[in-house]
């Protein structure tokens, strides 16, 4: 029983790349502080996606480490954010969480690019499109952001972290940061970098204060920073590149009215990894060619 609880909490922690049960508990506390309903839905989505992986006999080690639980966690929260809670939406939660597990498995069959939160994104996009055409009454109306006279940098910093799991609450964001620091100080450093850099870009570009303060321009950068950052300067450079790309993609997505979720994070990291590999191959080719000339 204890190990099963650890699997669930690791699945929550893995949303922000933390394979640590206590980190997951702290993150769940952050969601709970904002909304008990979203916390409950996160747990349900986590359990369904993890159980699906177990029933399908997927890697027990991956299940244990929460790698089949974090996309379901995000699916559960997304259900509460975008859809009215009814018996039908609970059925859709079951189907969508299971779908996220199957997509996760498909990504695991190749090793060139990690799926990250792509299974969550694809599952929820399918869900939202399906609801739009079949069950439009289930969809919650989106409340437009009100105009704000100035930037609130502390709030923006916290919400850039909190919005990774749809939490528009400063305390939730701080609890997420503490949860990351408990497991990894270097991840906590990059979390802070991923939150601060979008604020700087938003201020310099004259971005709308409401978007900045709500954390909507920076949460993808937080995930980019944690995914790519380590103790080397080189990784820091690539990390910054990925954050900047994610800001651009998020801005374009919002401008075009797309429900981006964490797609800017996934695409920007994929782009950065491809650019990095291409550069490394080019440098290797040039060095080999020079060695051939010298010999």
Protein backbone atom coordinates (compact mmCIF):
# COMPACT_ATOMS: atom_id res chain seq x y z
CA UNK A 1 0.00 0.00 0.00
CA UNK A 2 2.80 2.39 0.93
CA UNK A 3 4.63 1.71 -2.33
CA UNK A 4 1.45 2.37 -4.31
CA UNK A 5 1.08 5.73 -2.61
CA UNK A 6 4.69 6.50 -3.50
CA UNK A 7 3.98 5.63 -7.14
CA UNK A 8 1.09 8.11 -7.16
CA UNK A 9 3.12 10.88 -5.50
CA UNK A 10 6.07 10.28 -7.83
CA UNK A 11 3.65 10.58 -10.75
CA UNK A 12 2.71 14.05 -9.49
CA UNK A 13 6.35 14.99 -8.93
CA UNK A 14 7.30 13.87 -12.44
CA UNK A 15 5.12 16.64 -13.90
CA UNK A 16 8.14 18.81 -13.08
CA UNK A 17 10.72 16.04 -13.55
CA UNK A 18 11.08 15.18 -9.85
CA UNK A 19 11.30 11.46 -9.16
CA UNK A 20 10.69 12.02 -5.47
CA UNK A 21 7.60 11.01 -3.51
CA UNK A 22 7.92 13.88 -1.01
CA UNK A 23 8.24 16.40 -3.86
CA UNK A 24 5.02 14.98 -5.29
CA UNK A 25 3.25 15.36 -1.95
CA UNK A 26 4.34 19.01 -1.73
CA UNK A 27 3.13 19.65 -5.28
CA UNK A 28 -0.20 18.02 -4.46
CA UNK A 29 -0.37 20.31 -1.42
CA UNK A 30 0.13 23.26 -3.75
CA UNK A 31 -2.79 22.14 -5.90
CA UNK A 32 -4.90 21.43 -2.80
CA UNK A 33 -4.21 24.93 -1.45
CA UNK A 34 -5.72 26.34 -4.62
CA UNK A 35 -8.57 23.85 -5.15
CA UNK A 36 -9.48 20.55 -3.50
CA UNK A 37 -11.48 19.60 -6.59
CA UNK A 38 -8.43 19.97 -8.86
CA UNK A 39 -6.31 18.04 -6.35
CA UNK A 40 -8.82 15.20 -6.37
CA UNK A 41 -9.01 15.16 -10.17
CA UNK A 42 -5.20 15.13 -10.34
CA UNK A 43 -5.12 12.03 -8.13
CA UNK A 44 -7.89 10.31 -10.12
CA UNK A 45 -6.14 11.01 -13.44
CA UNK A 46 -2.87 9.76 -11.97
CA UNK A 47 -4.43 6.53 -10.69
CA UNK A 48 -6.24 5.81 -13.97
CA UNK A 49 -3.18 6.38 -16.15
CA UNK A 50 -0.95 4.35 -13.83
CA UNK A 51 -3.48 1.52 -13.57
CA UNK A 52 -3.78 1.47 -17.37
CA UNK A 53 -0.01 1.00 -17.66
CA UNK A 54 -0.13 -1.80 -15.09
CA UNK A 55 -3.02 -3.58 -16.85
CA UNK A 56 -1.18 -3.29 -20.17
CA UNK A 57 1.96 -4.79 -18.57
CA UNK A 58 4.17 -1.83 -19.40
CA UNK A 59 7.59 -1.39 -17.76
CA UNK A 60 7.22 -1.92 -14.01
CA UNK A 61 10.25 0.31 -13.40
CA UNK A 62 8.70 3.17 -15.38
CA UNK A 63 5.41 2.70 -13.52
CA UNK A 64 7.23 2.73 -10.18
CA UNK A 65 9.02 5.96 -11.11
CA UNK A 66 5.75 7.71 -11.98
CA UNK A 67 6.46 7.97 -15.68
CA UNK A 68 2.98 6.72 -16.56
CA UNK A 69 1.30 8.89 -13.94
CA UNK A 70 2.31 12.48 -14.64
CA UNK A 71 0.46 12.89 -17.93
CA UNK A 72 -2.69 11.50 -16.29
CA UNK A 73 -2.19 13.96 -13.43
CA UNK A 74 -2.24 16.85 -15.89
CA UNK A 75 -5.23 15.37 -17.72
CA UNK A 76 -7.18 15.26 -14.45
CA UNK A 77 -6.44 18.89 -13.67
CA UNK A 78 -7.27 19.93 -17.25
CA UNK A 79 -10.68 18.26 -16.95
CA UNK A 80 -11.46 20.49 -13.97
CA UNK A 81 -10.18 23.61 -15.74
CA UNK A 82 -11.91 23.20 -19.11
CA UNK A 83 -14.94 20.96 -18.53
CA UNK A 84 -17.96 21.01 -16.22
CA UNK A 85 -17.81 18.22 -13.65
CA UNK A 86 -20.57 15.68 -14.39
CA UNK A 87 -20.78 11.89 -14.63
CA UNK A 88 -19.99 12.25 -18.35
CA UNK A 89 -16.88 14.31 -17.71
CA UNK A 90 -15.71 11.63 -15.24
CA UNK A 91 -16.11 9.05 -17.99
CA UNK A 92 -14.12 11.30 -20.33
CA UNK A 93 -11.47 11.63 -17.62
CA UNK A 94 -11.11 7.85 -17.52
CA UNK A 95 -10.84 7.58 -21.30
CA UNK A 96 -8.47 10.53 -21.72
CA UNK A 97 -6.16 9.45 -18.89
CA UNK A 98 -5.93 5.95 -20.37
CA UNK A 99 -5.27 7.49 -23.80
CA UNK A 100 -2.39 9.51 -22.37
CA UNK A 101 -0.83 6.27 -21.10
CA UNK A 102 -1.08 4.57 -24.50
CA UNK A 103 0.50 7.61 -26.20
CA UNK A 104 3.26 7.63 -23.56
CA UNK A 105 3.99 4.01 -24.41
CA UNK A 106 4.18 4.82 -28.13
CA UNK A 107 6.76 7.51 -27.41
CA UNK A 108 8.77 5.00 -25.35
CA UNK A 109 9.17 2.79 -28.43
CA UNK A 110 11.62 5.31 -29.91
CA UNK A 111 14.62 6.91 -28.26
CA UNK A 112 15.39 9.94 -30.40
CA UNK A 113 13.06 12.39 -28.64
CA UNK A 114 11.40 12.13 -25.25
CA UNK A 115 7.63 12.54 -25.22
CA UNK A 116 7.66 14.81 -22.13
CA UNK A 117 4.08 16.09 -21.73
CA UNK A 118 3.12 15.44 -25.38
CA UNK A 119 0.76 12.55 -24.38
CA UNK A 120 -1.13 14.96 -22.12
CA UNK A 121 -1.26 17.63 -24.81
CA UNK A 122 -2.49 15.30 -27.55
CA UNK A 123 -5.04 13.62 -25.26
CA UNK A 124 -6.53 16.90 -24.04
CA UNK A 125 -6.56 18.43 -27.53
CA UNK A 126 -8.52 15.39 -28.75
CA UNK A 127 -10.82 15.73 -25.74
CA UNK A 128 -11.47 19.44 -26.31
CA UNK A 129 -12.09 19.04 -30.04
CA UNK A 130 -14.42 16.11 -29.38
CA UNK A 131 -16.34 18.05 -26.75
CA UNK A 132 -16.57 21.06 -29.06
CA UNK A 133 -18.35 18.95 -31.71
CA UNK A 134 -20.22 16.38 -29.60
CA UNK A 135 -20.71 17.77 -26.08
CA UNK A 136 -20.36 21.57 -26.39
CA UNK A 137 -22.45 22.13 -23.26
CA UNK A 138 -19.71 20.48 -21.17
CA UNK A 139 -17.11 23.08 -22.05
CA UNK A 140 -16.64 25.87 -19.52
CA UNK A 141 -16.55 29.40 -20.87
CA UNK A 142 -13.18 31.06 -20.58
CA UNK A 143 -12.98 34.25 -18.54
CA UNK A 144 -10.91 36.91 -20.32
CA UNK A 145 -8.10 38.48 -18.37
CA UNK A 146 -8.92 41.89 -16.95
CA UNK A 147 -6.67 44.84 -17.66
CA UNK A 148 -3.95 45.46 -15.07
CA UNK A 149 -2.17 48.81 -14.71
CA UNK A 150 1.30 47.47 -13.89
CA UNK A 151 3.46 44.39 -13.63
CA UNK A 152 3.63 42.41 -10.39
CA UNK A 153 6.99 40.67 -10.66
CA UNK A 154 6.71 38.51 -7.54
CA UNK A 155 3.27 37.29 -8.55
CA UNK A 156 4.47 36.64 -12.10
CA UNK A 157 7.47 34.69 -10.79
CA UNK A 158 5.27 32.45 -8.61
CA UNK A 159 2.56 31.96 -11.21
CA UNK A 160 5.06 31.09 -13.94
CA UNK A 161 5.81 28.06 -11.77
CA UNK A 162 2.25 27.43 -10.59
CA UNK A 163 0.71 27.54 -14.08
CA UNK A 164 2.69 24.42 -15.04
CA UNK A 165 -0.20 22.66 -13.29
CA UNK A 166 -2.87 25.32 -14.03
CA UNK A 167 -2.51 26.96 -10.60
CA UNK A 168 -3.04 30.73 -10.64
CA UNK A 169 -2.03 31.10 -7.01
CA UNK A 170 1.27 32.46 -5.70
CA UNK A 171 1.42 30.10 -2.71
CA UNK A 172 0.93 27.11 -4.99
CA UNK A 173 3.83 28.27 -7.15
CA UNK A 174 6.08 28.66 -4.11
CA UNK A 175 5.15 25.19 -2.87
CA UNK A 176 6.07 23.79 -6.29
CA UNK A 177 9.45 25.53 -6.09
CA UNK A 178 10.06 24.13 -2.59
CA UNK A 179 9.05 20.68 -3.84
CA UNK A 180 11.68 20.90 -6.57
CA UNK A 181 14.36 22.22 -4.20
CA UNK A 182 13.73 19.29 -1.84
CA UNK A 183 14.80 16.92 -4.60
CA UNK A 184 17.37 18.96 -6.54
CA UNK A 185 18.96 22.35 -5.90
CA UNK A 186 20.18 22.57 -9.49
CA UNK A 187 16.61 21.96 -10.72
CA UNK A 188 15.40 24.66 -8.32
CA UNK A 189 17.98 27.08 -9.75
CA UNK A 190 16.82 26.39 -13.30
CA UNK A 191 13.19 26.66 -12.22
CA UNK A 192 13.94 30.18 -11.00
CA UNK A 193 15.81 30.98 -14.24
CA UNK A 194 12.95 29.61 -16.33
CA UNK A 195 10.54 31.85 -14.44
CA UNK A 196 12.65 35.03 -14.41
CA UNK A 197 13.78 35.10 -18.05
CA UNK A 198 10.23 35.25 -19.50
CA UNK A 199 9.50 38.15 -17.13
CA UNK A 200 12.52 40.05 -18.47
CA UNK A 201 11.51 39.34 -22.08
CA UNK A 202 7.90 40.34 -21.40
CA UNK A 203 8.94 43.65 -19.83
CA UNK A 204 11.43 44.51 -22.57
CA UNK A 205 8.90 43.68 -25.30
CA UNK A 206 6.10 45.64 -23.64
CA UNK A 207 3.86 42.62 -23.22
CA UNK A 208 0.43 42.99 -21.65
CA UNK A 209 0.65 43.24 -17.84
CA UNK A 210 -2.28 40.87 -17.26
CA UNK A 211 -0.69 38.08 -19.31
CA UNK A 212 2.63 38.55 -17.53
CA UNK A 213 1.09 38.66 -14.04
CA UNK A 214 -1.04 35.56 -14.69
CA UNK A 215 2.05 33.47 -15.44
CA UNK A 216 0.79 32.58 -18.89
CA UNK A 217 3.94 33.61 -20.75
CA UNK A 218 6.48 31.87 -18.51
CA UNK A 219 5.30 28.44 -17.37
CA UNK A 220 6.62 26.71 -20.48
CA UNK A 221 10.01 28.30 -19.87
CA UNK A 222 10.09 26.77 -16.39
CA UNK A 223 9.67 23.28 -17.86
CA UNK A 224 12.27 23.99 -20.56
CA UNK A 225 14.78 25.06 -17.94
CA UNK A 226 14.32 21.98 -15.77
CA UNK A 227 14.36 19.62 -18.76
CA UNK A 228 17.62 20.91 -20.25
CA UNK A 229 19.53 22.49 -17.38
CA UNK A 230 22.44 20.82 -15.59
CA UNK A 231 25.72 21.95 -14.02
CA UNK A 232 27.50 22.82 -17.29
CA UNK A 233 27.60 26.25 -18.91
CA UNK A 234 26.82 24.69 -22.28
CA UNK A 235 23.54 23.27 -20.99
CA UNK A 236 22.70 26.69 -19.56
CA UNK A 237 23.12 28.25 -23.01
CA UNK A 238 20.86 25.67 -24.65
CA UNK A 239 18.43 26.08 -21.79
CA UNK A 240 18.17 29.83 -22.45
CA UNK A 241 17.64 29.19 -26.17
CA UNK A 242 14.80 26.79 -25.42
CA UNK A 243 13.16 29.24 -23.00
CA UNK A 244 13.26 32.02 -25.61
CA UNK A 245 11.73 29.73 -28.25
CA UNK A 246 8.99 28.70 -25.82
CA UNK A 247 8.12 32.35 -25.14
CA UNK A 248 7.74 32.99 -28.86
CA UNK A 249 5.63 29.87 -29.40
CA UNK A 250 3.41 30.67 -26.42
CA UNK A 251 2.89 34.23 -27.62
CA UNK A 252 2.01 33.03 -31.12
CA UNK A 253 -0.35 30.39 -29.72
CA UNK A 254 -2.17 32.90 -27.54
CA UNK A 255 -2.30 35.39 -30.43
CA UNK A 256 -3.94 32.74 -32.65
CA UNK A 257 -6.36 31.65 -29.91
CA UNK A 258 -4.88 28.17 -29.45
CA UNK A 259 -5.20 26.31 -26.16
CA UNK A 260 -1.45 25.73 -26.02
CA UNK A 261 -1.22 23.76 -22.75
CA UNK A 262 2.49 22.80 -22.51
CA UNK A 263 2.99 22.41 -26.28
CA UNK A 264 5.42 25.39 -26.49
CA UNK A 265 7.63 23.62 -23.94
CA UNK A 266 7.64 20.33 -25.82
CA UNK A 267 8.23 21.86 -29.25
CA UNK A 268 10.91 24.27 -28.04
CA UNK A 269 12.84 21.49 -26.28
CA UNK A 270 12.56 19.26 -29.36
CA UNK A 271 13.78 22.12 -31.58
CA UNK A 272 16.66 22.85 -29.20
CA UNK A 273 17.72 19.19 -29.03
CA UNK A 274 17.64 18.87 -32.84
CA UNK A 275 19.68 22.08 -33.22
CA UNK A 276 22.15 20.86 -30.60
CA UNK A 277 22.61 17.49 -32.30
CA UNK A 278 22.95 19.13 -35.72
CA UNK A 279 25.60 21.52 -34.41
CA UNK A 280 27.52 18.70 -32.73
CA UNK A 281 27.47 16.66 -35.95
CA UNK A 282 28.64 19.68 -37.96
CA UNK A 283 31.51 20.35 -35.55
CA UNK A 284 32.47 16.65 -35.57
CA UNK A 285 32.43 16.62 -39.38
CA UNK A 286 34.63 19.75 -39.59
CA UNK A 287 37.13 18.34 -37.09
CA UNK A 288 37.32 15.04 -38.94
CA UNK A 289 37.84 16.87 -42.21
CA UNK A 290 40.68 18.93 -40.71
CA UNK A 291 42.30 15.80 -39.35
CA UNK A 292 42.14 14.28 -42.83
CA UNK A 293 43.87 17.32 -44.36
CA UNK A 294 46.61 17.27 -41.71
CA UNK A 295 47.35 13.59 -42.25
